[in-house]
Amino acid sequence: MSGQYWFPNMPIPEIMTALSEWGLNVSNEQLVRPSSDFVIGVYNACLEQVTSISPNVLHKPTQRALASLEDANPDLYSNAISHNIMLYHLTRFATSARIMDFSSRDLSAPEPERTRFILSAFINFVKFAEQCTTFISNVREKSAQVIEEREQVIQELSEVQHNLAVLKAQRAKDEPKCEQLKEENAAMTTQLLAAKEVHTGLTKDIESLKIERAHLQARNETINSESALLMDNNSRTRSRIVQSPERIRRNIMTMGTTAIEDKKAVALHEAKARDLQAKISALVNIEKDVRSCIEQLQTTEKEVQLLEGSQKELAELKDSLEYKKVERGELQKKTERVHKQLGNAQEKLERAQRHAEEKRLASQQTVERLQRDYEKMDVERRENDKQVEELRMEAGDIEAKMAEHLKKSEAELNELLTEYWKLRHETEVYMETLANKLNMNVSSD
C-alpha cells in the first residue's frame, strides 16, 4: 500500500530548517549519523506537534499500568512500558504519515537514509496538519464527544449490570427462603383449614353445650325454686302435723332420701357444669390458637405480597435492561455511522493530501526551475547592470541627439508632407485636365 502514496524526500538543509521552526536545533552530523536518543527526541517532538502527546502526558498512564501489576518490583518494567506506549503512539503517527513499516528498529538502530525518509514524512504530515487545523479540530471534538458518550454508556451499562447482579444474588439468596416460606405457607394453610374444620365442629359443640348449659341452668333454677317451695311446704307442714315420732321419723327418712337424690342430681349437674367449663376453656385456647394462626397467615400474605413486589421490580429492571440494551445497540449503530463518517473524512483527507502533494511537487519543481532561472538571471543581471550603467550614459547622449534629430525630422516631415499634398493636388489637376482633353473618365481612385 505504501506505493499508492508519495511525499518528497527532503534534503538535510530543509529538514534542519523545518525542525528549527519548531524550536529543535539539530546539526548536520546528527542527521548524517543519527543516534537512538536523537531520533526518539525528534520523533516525539513531531508527534507532539500534531497530537499534543508528550512523555510527560504519558507518565500517568504508565504509572497506572505499573500500579495494576501484581509484582513486588514494578520499577523493573517502568522503562519497557513507557517505551512500548511511546512506540505505539509513534507507530500510529507513522501510519498516518503513510509509513506502514515503522518499527522499534527505527528507534533503537536508526539508519541515516531511513531516518531522513521518516523525518521527511513526519514533517510533511505536520505541515499538512497545520494547514487542516479546523478540520482536525472538528474531528477531534467529534471523536472526544463519541468517546465521552461511549464511556457514559459503558458506565451506565456497568451500573445496570451491577444492579442486576445484586438483584440476581438477592433473588438467589431469597429463593431458599421463598421456598421455605411457600412450604410453611402451604403447611399453615393446610393446618388452618384443618383447624378451621375443628373450630367449626367445636363451635357447633360449644353452641350445643351452651344450649344444654342454659337448659341445665334453667332446670337447676327450677329445682332450686321447687326445693324452696318444698322447704316452705315442709315448714308449713311441720307446723300443722301432729307431733308423732314415728311419722316424723318416716317423714325425715323420706325427706333424707329425697335430699340425697337431690344432692346426687346437683352433684351430677355440677360435674356436667365442670365438664362444660373445661370444654369452654379448651375452646377458648383453640380460639386463641386459631387467631394466632390467622395472624401468622396474614404475616405470610404480607411477605408474599412483598415477594411479589420484589419480583415485579425485578421484571421492571429486566425491562429496563432490555431498553438499555436497545439503546446500546442504537449507540453502537451511531458509533458505526461515526466510524463510517470518519473513514469518509479520512478518504477525503487522503485525496486532499495526494492533491496537495501533487501541487507541492509541481510547486517545488517550479520553485527549483525558477531558482535556477533566478541564479542565471542574477548573474546576467549583475553583468547587465554594468552594461545598463554604460547604456544609460549612452542613452542620455542618444536621447539628446534623438530629441534634436526628432525636431529636425519633424520639421523635414512637415515640409515633405506639405510638398506631398501640394504635388498630389497638382497631379490631380493635371490628370483631370488631361482626361478632359482626351475625353477619358478617370476616377480619383
Protein backbone atom coordinates (compact mmCIF):
# COMPACT_ATOMS: atom_id res chain seq x y z
CA MET A 1 0.00 0.00 0.00
CA SER A 2 2.93 2.38 0.52
CA GLY A 3 3.32 2.59 -3.26
CA GLN A 4 -0.02 4.38 -3.50
CA TYR A 5 1.23 7.42 -1.54
CA TRP A 6 4.09 9.78 -2.18
CA PHE A 7 5.80 12.62 -0.32
CA PRO A 8 9.01 14.48 -1.16
CA ASN A 9 12.25 13.16 0.28
CA MET A 10 13.62 16.33 1.84
CA PRO A 11 17.35 17.13 1.84
CA ILE A 12 19.21 17.71 5.09
CA PRO A 13 19.11 21.58 4.96
CA GLU A 14 15.33 21.59 4.50
CA ILE A 15 14.92 19.13 7.38
CA MET A 16 17.09 21.32 9.61
CA THR A 17 15.10 24.41 8.61
CA ALA A 18 11.73 22.73 9.25
CA LEU A 19 12.82 21.42 12.66
CA SER A 20 14.26 24.80 13.65
CA GLU A 21 10.81 26.33 13.09
CA TRP A 22 9.56 24.14 15.97
CA GLY A 23 12.48 25.08 18.25
CA LEU A 24 14.57 21.95 17.52
CA ASN A 25 18.18 22.79 16.75
CA VAL A 26 19.74 19.80 15.00
CA SER A 27 23.10 19.58 13.33
CA ASN A 28 24.21 18.04 10.07
CA GLU A 29 26.26 15.49 12.00
CA GLN A 30 23.17 14.31 13.93
CA LEU A 31 21.26 13.71 10.69
CA VAL A 32 24.22 12.03 8.99
CA ARG A 33 24.92 9.77 11.99
CA PRO A 34 21.64 9.61 13.97
CA SER A 35 21.58 8.09 17.44
CA SER A 36 18.73 6.41 19.27
CA ASP A 37 18.24 9.28 21.76
CA PHE A 38 18.30 11.84 18.94
CA VAL A 39 15.63 10.13 16.79
CA ILE A 40 13.41 9.47 19.83
CA GLY A 41 13.55 13.15 20.80
CA VAL A 42 12.85 14.38 17.25
CA TYR A 43 10.06 11.85 16.64
CA ASN A 44 8.43 12.77 19.98
CA ALA A 45 8.58 16.46 19.01
CA CYS A 46 6.85 15.72 15.67
CA LEU A 47 4.24 13.62 17.49
CA GLU A 48 3.63 16.44 19.97
CA GLN A 49 3.14 18.97 17.14
CA VAL A 50 0.12 17.05 15.82
CA THR A 51 -1.35 15.09 18.76
CA SER A 52 -0.07 17.07 21.83
CA ILE A 53 1.19 13.75 23.22
CA SER A 54 4.48 14.02 25.09
CA PRO A 55 6.39 11.79 27.56
CA ASN A 56 5.02 13.93 30.40
CA VAL A 57 1.45 13.28 29.27
CA LEU A 58 2.13 9.52 29.11
CA HIS A 59 3.68 9.45 32.60
CA LYS A 60 0.33 8.99 34.43
CA PRO A 61 -0.89 6.10 32.18
CA THR A 62 2.48 4.42 32.69
CA GLN A 63 2.15 4.74 36.46
CA ARG A 64 -1.41 3.34 36.34
CA ALA A 65 -0.20 0.39 34.27
CA LEU A 66 2.60 -0.24 36.78
CA ALA A 67 0.15 0.03 39.68
CA SER A 68 -2.07 -2.60 38.07
CA LEU A 69 0.82 -5.11 38.00
CA GLU A 70 0.84 -7.52 40.91
CA ASP A 71 4.59 -7.52 41.29
CA ALA A 72 6.90 -6.65 44.15
CA ASN A 73 9.31 -4.70 41.90
CA PRO A 74 7.25 -2.70 39.37
CA ASP A 75 10.21 -0.37 38.64
CA LEU A 76 11.78 -3.18 36.59
CA TYR A 77 9.07 -2.71 33.96
CA SER A 78 8.87 1.11 34.03
CA ASN A 79 11.21 1.81 31.09
CA ALA A 80 9.83 -1.05 29.00
CA ILE A 81 6.19 0.01 29.48
CA SER A 82 6.89 3.70 28.78
CA HIS A 83 8.92 2.71 25.70
CA ASN A 84 6.12 0.44 24.41
CA ILE A 85 3.44 3.12 24.97
CA MET A 86 5.52 5.73 23.12
CA LEU A 87 6.28 3.21 20.33
CA TYR A 88 2.53 2.52 19.99
CA HIS A 89 1.73 6.22 19.53
CA LEU A 90 4.70 6.75 17.18
CA THR A 91 3.58 3.75 15.08
CA ARG A 92 0.07 5.22 14.77
CA PHE A 93 1.58 8.59 13.85
CA ALA A 94 3.86 6.95 11.26
CA THR A 95 0.92 5.03 9.78
CA SER A 96 -0.98 8.34 9.42
CA ALA A 97 2.11 9.78 7.72
CA ARG A 98 1.99 6.77 5.30
CA ILE A 99 4.99 4.88 6.70
CA MET A 100 3.46 1.45 7.08
CA ASP A 101 6.64 -0.42 8.13
CA PHE A 102 7.63 1.72 11.13
CA SER A 103 9.04 -0.44 13.95
CA SER A 104 11.15 -0.31 17.11
CA ARG A 105 14.27 -0.82 14.96
CA ASP A 106 13.81 2.76 13.71
CA LEU A 107 14.23 3.89 17.33
CA SER A 108 16.91 1.52 18.62
CA ALA A 109 19.13 1.23 15.50
CA PRO A 110 18.37 4.23 13.22
CA GLU A 111 19.86 4.35 9.74
CA PRO A 112 20.71 7.71 8.12
CA GLU A 113 18.73 7.32 4.90
CA ARG A 114 15.82 5.69 6.68
CA THR A 115 15.82 8.41 9.36
CA ARG A 116 15.78 11.21 6.75
CA PHE A 117 13.00 9.41 4.91
CA ILE A 118 10.90 9.13 8.11
CA LEU A 119 11.62 12.75 9.05
CA SER A 120 10.53 13.87 5.57
CA ALA A 121 7.25 12.02 6.00
CA PHE A 122 6.73 13.36 9.55
CA ILE A 123 7.49 16.97 8.55
CA ASN A 124 5.24 16.70 5.51
CA PHE A 125 2.41 15.32 7.68
CA VAL A 126 2.89 18.01 10.36
CA LYS A 127 2.78 20.80 7.77
CA PHE A 128 -0.30 19.27 6.22
CA ALA A 129 -1.93 19.03 9.67
CA GLU A 130 -1.12 22.72 10.27
CA GLN A 131 -3.00 23.56 7.06
CA CYS A 132 -6.03 21.44 8.11
CA THR A 133 -6.29 22.72 11.70
CA THR A 134 -10.03 23.45 11.52
CA PHE A 135 -10.92 20.05 10.06
CA ILE A 136 -8.69 18.18 12.53
CA SER A 137 -10.10 20.13 15.50
CA ASN A 138 -13.66 19.28 14.38
CA VAL A 139 -12.76 15.60 14.01
CA ARG A 140 -11.11 15.64 17.46
CA GLU A 141 -14.16 17.27 19.03
CA LYS A 142 -16.47 14.70 17.44
CA SER A 143 -14.15 11.87 18.48
CA ALA A 144 -13.98 13.20 22.05
CA GLN A 145 -17.78 13.51 22.13
CA VAL A 146 -18.18 9.94 20.86
CA ILE A 147 -15.64 8.70 23.44
CA GLU A 148 -17.48 10.54 26.24
CA GLU A 149 -20.81 9.08 25.10
CA ARG A 150 -19.28 5.62 24.89
CA GLU A 151 -17.77 5.98 28.40
CA GLN A 152 -21.13 7.19 29.72
CA VAL A 153 -22.96 4.27 28.11
CA ILE A 154 -20.33 1.83 29.42
CA GLN A 155 -20.70 3.31 32.91
CA GLU A 156 -24.50 3.10 32.76
CA LEU A 157 -24.26 -0.46 31.44
CA SER A 158 -21.88 -1.41 34.26
CA GLU A 159 -24.24 0.14 36.82
CA VAL A 160 -27.22 -1.73 35.36
CA GLN A 161 -25.21 -4.96 35.25
CA HIS A 162 -24.12 -4.40 38.84
CA ASN A 163 -27.72 -3.73 39.95
CA LEU A 164 -28.87 -6.78 38.00
CA ALA A 165 -26.15 -8.91 39.59
CA VAL A 166 -27.14 -7.61 43.05
CA LEU A 167 -30.79 -8.41 42.34
CA LYS A 168 -29.88 -11.85 40.99
CA ALA A 169 -27.75 -12.51 44.07
CA GLN A 170 -30.54 -11.25 46.33
CA ARG A 171 -33.05 -13.38 44.44
CA ALA A 172 -30.79 -16.42 44.64
CA LYS A 173 -30.31 -15.68 48.32
CA ASP A 174 -34.07 -15.27 48.87
CA GLU A 175 -35.11 -18.30 46.80
CA PRO A 176 -34.49 -20.87 49.61
CA LYS A 177 -36.31 -18.58 52.00
CA CYS A 178 -39.14 -18.16 49.50
CA GLU A 179 -39.36 -21.93 49.03
CA GLN A 180 -39.33 -22.39 52.78
CA LEU A 181 -42.00 -19.73 53.20
CA LYS A 182 -44.07 -21.33 50.44
CA GLU A 183 -43.79 -24.71 52.16
CA GLU A 184 -44.60 -23.14 55.54
CA ASN A 185 -47.47 -21.24 53.92
CA ALA A 186 -48.83 -24.45 52.37
CA ALA A 187 -48.43 -26.32 55.69
CA MET A 188 -50.02 -23.46 57.63
CA THR A 189 -52.83 -23.25 55.06
CA THR A 190 -53.48 -26.99 55.48
CA GLN A 191 -53.22 -26.61 59.23
CA LEU A 192 -55.53 -23.61 59.17
CA LEU A 193 -58.04 -25.47 57.04
CA ALA A 194 -57.93 -28.40 59.46
CA ALA A 195 -58.10 -26.01 62.42
CA LYS A 196 -61.00 -24.21 60.75
CA GLU A 197 -62.86 -27.51 60.38
CA VAL A 198 -62.07 -28.38 64.01
CA HIS A 199 -63.08 -24.84 65.02
CA THR A 200 -66.36 -25.22 63.13
CA GLY A 201 -67.06 -28.52 64.85
CA LEU A 202 -66.03 -27.11 68.23
CA THR A 203 -68.19 -24.05 67.64
CA LYS A 204 -71.15 -26.28 66.96
CA ASP A 205 -70.32 -28.31 70.10
CA ILE A 206 -69.94 -25.09 72.08
CA GLU A 207 -73.28 -23.85 70.85
CA SER A 208 -74.96 -27.15 71.71
CA LEU A 209 -73.19 -27.20 75.10
CA LYS A 210 -74.24 -23.60 75.72
CA ILE A 211 -77.83 -24.55 74.91
CA GLU A 212 -77.55 -27.62 77.15
CA ARG A 213 -75.97 -25.47 79.90
CA ALA A 214 -78.79 -22.98 79.59
CA HIS A 215 -81.28 -25.83 79.87
CA LEU A 216 -79.42 -27.23 82.87
CA GLN A 217 -79.21 -23.80 84.49
CA ALA A 218 -82.91 -23.32 83.91
CA ARG A 219 -83.60 -26.80 85.30
CA ASN A 220 -81.31 -26.05 88.27
CA GLU A 221 -83.19 -22.84 88.94
CA THR A 222 -86.43 -24.76 88.63
CA ILE A 223 -85.16 -27.39 91.07
CA ASN A 224 -83.93 -24.69 93.45
CA SER A 225 -87.30 -22.95 93.31
CA GLU A 226 -89.05 -26.29 93.83
CA SER A 227 -86.72 -27.03 96.75
CA ALA A 228 -87.51 -23.65 98.23
CA LEU A 229 -91.23 -24.33 97.77
CA LEU A 230 -90.81 -27.78 99.28
CA MET A 231 -88.91 -26.31 102.23
CA ASP A 232 -91.73 -23.80 102.73
CA ASN A 233 -94.29 -26.56 102.43
CA ASN A 234 -92.22 -28.65 104.78
CA SER A 235 -92.08 -25.89 107.35
CA ARG A 236 -95.80 -25.22 106.97
CA THR A 237 -96.47 -28.94 107.19
CA ARG A 238 -94.34 -29.26 110.31
CA SER A 239 -96.32 -26.59 111.93
CA ARG A 240 -99.53 -28.44 111.07
CA ILE A 241 -98.55 -32.05 111.64
CA VAL A 242 -99.16 -33.90 114.96
CA GLN A 243 -96.05 -34.41 116.90
CA SER A 244 -95.75 -38.10 116.28
CA PRO A 245 -92.25 -39.55 116.44
CA GLU A 246 -92.94 -42.33 114.07
CA ARG A 247 -94.46 -40.12 111.47
CA ILE A 248 -91.71 -37.56 111.90
CA ARG A 249 -89.14 -40.35 111.52
CA ARG A 250 -90.76 -41.54 108.33
CA ASN A 251 -91.00 -38.03 107.01
CA ILE A 252 -87.43 -37.40 107.92
CA MET A 253 -86.35 -40.62 106.21
CA THR A 254 -88.43 -39.70 103.17
CA MET A 255 -87.05 -36.19 103.10
CA GLY A 256 -83.50 -37.55 103.66
CA THR A 257 -83.95 -39.88 100.73
CA THR A 258 -85.31 -37.02 98.69
CA ALA A 259 -82.45 -34.77 99.78
CA ILE A 260 -79.89 -37.47 98.89
CA GLU A 261 -81.42 -37.82 95.47
CA ASP A 262 -81.44 -34.04 95.10
CA LYS A 263 -77.76 -33.90 96.16
CA LYS A 264 -76.88 -36.61 93.65
CA ALA A 265 -78.73 -34.69 90.95
CA VAL A 266 -76.95 -31.44 91.98
CA ALA A 267 -73.56 -33.26 92.04
CA LEU A 268 -74.31 -34.68 88.61
CA HIS A 269 -75.24 -31.21 87.32
CA GLU A 270 -72.10 -29.68 88.89
CA ALA A 271 -69.93 -32.39 87.23
CA LYS A 272 -71.60 -31.62 83.90
CA ALA A 273 -71.01 -27.89 84.51
CA ARG A 274 -67.34 -28.54 85.28
CA ASP A 275 -67.01 -30.61 82.09
CA LEU A 276 -68.70 -27.86 80.14
CA GLN A 277 -66.36 -25.25 81.74
CA ALA A 278 -63.31 -27.37 80.79
CA LYS A 279 -64.63 -27.70 77.27
CA ILE A 280 -65.22 -23.93 77.13
CA SER A 281 -61.64 -23.28 78.33
CA ALA A 282 -60.33 -25.68 75.71
CA LEU A 283 -62.41 -23.91 73.08
CA VAL A 284 -61.04 -20.53 74.23
CA ASN A 285 -57.49 -21.86 73.91
CA ILE A 286 -58.31 -23.26 70.47
CA GLU A 287 -59.79 -19.89 69.50
CA LYS A 288 -56.54 -18.18 70.61
CA ASP A 289 -54.53 -20.69 68.56
CA VAL A 290 -56.76 -20.06 65.57
CA ARG A 291 -56.31 -16.31 65.98
CA SER A 292 -52.51 -16.71 66.16
CA CYS A 293 -52.66 -18.90 63.04
CA ILE A 294 -54.72 -16.24 61.29
CA GLU A 295 -52.17 -13.59 62.31
CA GLN A 296 -49.32 -15.77 61.00
CA LEU A 297 -51.30 -16.31 57.80
CA GLN A 298 -51.73 -12.53 57.43
CA THR A 299 -47.99 -12.06 58.05
CA THR A 300 -47.26 -14.71 55.44
CA GLU A 301 -49.59 -12.98 53.00
CA LYS A 302 -47.76 -9.68 53.59
CA GLU A 303 -44.42 -11.39 52.98
CA VAL A 304 -45.86 -12.97 49.82
CA GLN A 305 -47.02 -9.51 48.68
CA LEU A 306 -43.53 -8.13 49.38
CA LEU A 307 -42.05 -11.04 47.42
CA GLU A 308 -44.43 -10.36 44.52
CA GLY A 309 -43.43 -6.66 44.65
CA SER A 310 -39.76 -7.68 44.51
CA GLN A 311 -40.47 -9.94 41.55
CA LYS A 312 -42.35 -7.09 39.84
CA GLU A 313 -39.37 -4.74 40.45
CA LEU A 314 -37.09 -7.45 39.06
CA ALA A 315 -39.29 -7.68 35.95
CA GLU A 316 -39.18 -3.88 35.60
CA LEU A 317 -35.40 -3.95 35.94
CA LYS A 318 -35.26 -6.66 33.26
CA ASP A 319 -37.39 -4.46 31.01
CA SER A 320 -35.10 -1.51 31.79
CA LEU A 321 -32.08 -3.71 30.97
CA GLU A 322 -33.67 -4.68 27.65
CA TYR A 323 -34.28 -0.99 26.95
CA LYS A 324 -30.68 -0.19 27.83
CA LYS A 325 -29.54 -3.00 25.51
CA VAL A 326 -31.64 -1.47 22.73
CA GLU A 327 -30.13 1.95 23.49
CA ARG A 328 -26.68 0.36 23.47
CA GLY A 329 -27.41 -1.16 20.06
CA GLU A 330 -28.53 2.25 18.78
CA LEU A 331 -25.38 3.83 20.22
CA GLN A 332 -23.29 1.14 18.56
CA LYS A 333 -25.05 1.93 15.26
CA LYS A 334 -24.33 5.62 15.83
CA THR A 335 -20.71 4.74 16.57
CA GLU A 336 -20.55 2.72 13.35
CA ARG A 337 -22.00 5.66 11.43
CA VAL A 338 -19.44 7.95 13.07
CA HIS A 339 -16.68 5.49 12.11
CA LYS A 340 -18.01 5.47 8.55
CA GLN A 341 -18.05 9.28 8.53
CA LEU A 342 -14.54 9.24 9.97
CA GLY A 343 -13.48 6.79 7.21
CA ASN A 344 -15.02 9.05 4.58
CA ALA A 345 -13.29 12.02 6.15
CA GLN A 346 -10.01 10.10 6.12
CA GLU A 347 -10.53 9.24 2.44
CA LYS A 348 -11.23 12.89 1.69
CA LEU A 349 -8.18 13.79 3.74
CA GLU A 350 -6.08 11.29 1.77
CA ARG A 351 -7.37 12.64 -1.54
CA ALA A 352 -6.69 16.19 -0.38
CA GLN A 353 -3.26 15.06 0.77
CA ARG A 354 -2.50 13.47 -2.60
CA HIS A 355 -3.73 16.59 -4.37
CA ALA A 356 -1.66 18.77 -2.05
CA GLU A 357 1.36 16.53 -2.63
CA GLU A 358 0.92 16.84 -6.39
CA LYS A 359 0.61 20.59 -6.08
CA ARG A 360 3.57 20.67 -3.76
CA LEU A 361 5.65 18.61 -6.17
CA ALA A 362 4.67 20.86 -9.06
CA SER A 363 5.34 23.93 -6.91
CA GLN A 364 8.67 22.51 -5.81
CA GLN A 365 9.67 21.77 -9.41
CA THR A 366 8.56 25.26 -10.43
CA VAL A 367 10.48 26.75 -7.49
CA GLU A 368 13.60 24.77 -8.45
CA ARG A 369 13.27 25.87 -12.08
CA LEU A 370 12.69 29.45 -11.02
CA GLN A 371 15.64 29.17 -8.64
CA ARG A 372 17.88 28.06 -11.47
CA ASP A 373 16.49 30.79 -13.73
CA TYR A 374 16.90 33.29 -10.92
CA GLU A 375 20.54 32.29 -10.41
CA LYS A 376 21.18 32.65 -14.14
CA MET A 377 19.30 35.92 -14.22
CA ASP A 378 21.21 37.10 -11.16
CA VAL A 379 24.49 36.52 -12.96
CA GLU A 380 23.13 38.15 -16.10
CA ARG A 381 21.64 40.96 -14.03
CA ARG A 382 24.99 41.82 -12.50
CA GLU A 383 26.51 41.88 -15.97
CA ASN A 384 23.55 43.80 -17.34
CA ASP A 385 23.80 46.31 -14.50
CA LYS A 386 27.22 47.28 -15.74
CA GLN A 387 26.01 47.43 -19.31
CA VAL A 388 22.92 49.36 -18.22
CA GLU A 389 25.07 51.95 -16.50
CA GLU A 390 27.11 52.33 -19.64
CA LEU A 391 24.00 52.28 -21.81
CA ARG A 392 22.31 54.84 -19.59
CA MET A 393 25.10 57.28 -20.27
CA GLU A 394 24.98 56.46 -23.96
CA ALA A 395 21.18 56.62 -23.85
CA GLY A 396 21.36 60.09 -22.37
CA ASP A 397 23.53 61.27 -25.21
CA ILE A 398 21.42 59.40 -27.74
CA GLU A 399 18.21 60.81 -26.27
CA ALA A 400 19.58 64.32 -26.56
CA LYS A 401 20.67 63.62 -30.12
CA MET A 402 17.33 61.92 -30.81
CA ALA A 403 15.45 64.90 -29.49
CA GLU A 404 17.38 67.22 -31.78
CA HIS A 405 17.08 64.75 -34.68
CA LEU A 406 13.38 64.33 -33.93
CA LYS A 407 12.85 68.06 -34.08
CA LYS A 408 14.73 68.21 -37.37
CA SER A 409 12.89 65.13 -38.67
CA GLU A 410 9.52 66.56 -37.69
CA ALA A 411 10.32 69.81 -39.42
CA GLU A 412 11.53 67.98 -42.57
CA LEU A 413 8.50 65.65 -42.41
CA ASN A 414 6.15 68.62 -42.18
CA GLU A 415 7.87 70.18 -45.17
CA LEU A 416 7.73 66.87 -47.09
CA LEU A 417 4.04 66.42 -46.24
CA THR A 418 3.30 69.94 -47.39
CA GLU A 419 5.20 69.29 -50.59
CA TYR A 420 3.46 65.87 -50.98
CA TRP A 421 -0.02 67.28 -50.71
CA LYS A 422 0.92 70.12 -52.96
CA LEU A 423 2.26 67.69 -55.61
CA ARG A 424 -0.75 65.41 -55.20
CA HIS A 425 -3.09 68.34 -55.77
CA GLU A 426 -1.18 69.40 -58.84
CA THR A 427 -1.21 65.76 -60.09
CA GLU A 428 -4.96 65.53 -59.67
CA VAL A 429 -5.41 68.83 -61.50
CA TYR A 430 -3.08 67.61 -64.28
CA MET A 431 -4.95 64.28 -64.53
CA GLU A 432 -8.31 66.00 -64.75
CA THR A 433 -7.02 68.41 -67.40
CA LEU A 434 -5.50 65.53 -69.38
CA ALA A 435 -8.73 63.50 -69.09
CA ASN A 436 -10.79 66.38 -70.22
CA LYS A 437 -8.56 66.89 -73.27
CA LEU A 438 -8.56 63.15 -74.07
CA ASN A 439 -12.25 62.76 -73.26
CA MET A 440 -11.48 59.97 -70.69
CA ASN A 441 -13.24 59.11 -67.41
CA VAL A 442 -10.52 58.81 -64.79
CA SER A 443 -11.53 58.08 -61.18
CA SER A 444 -9.68 59.57 -58.30
CA ASP A 445 -9.04 56.01 -57.00
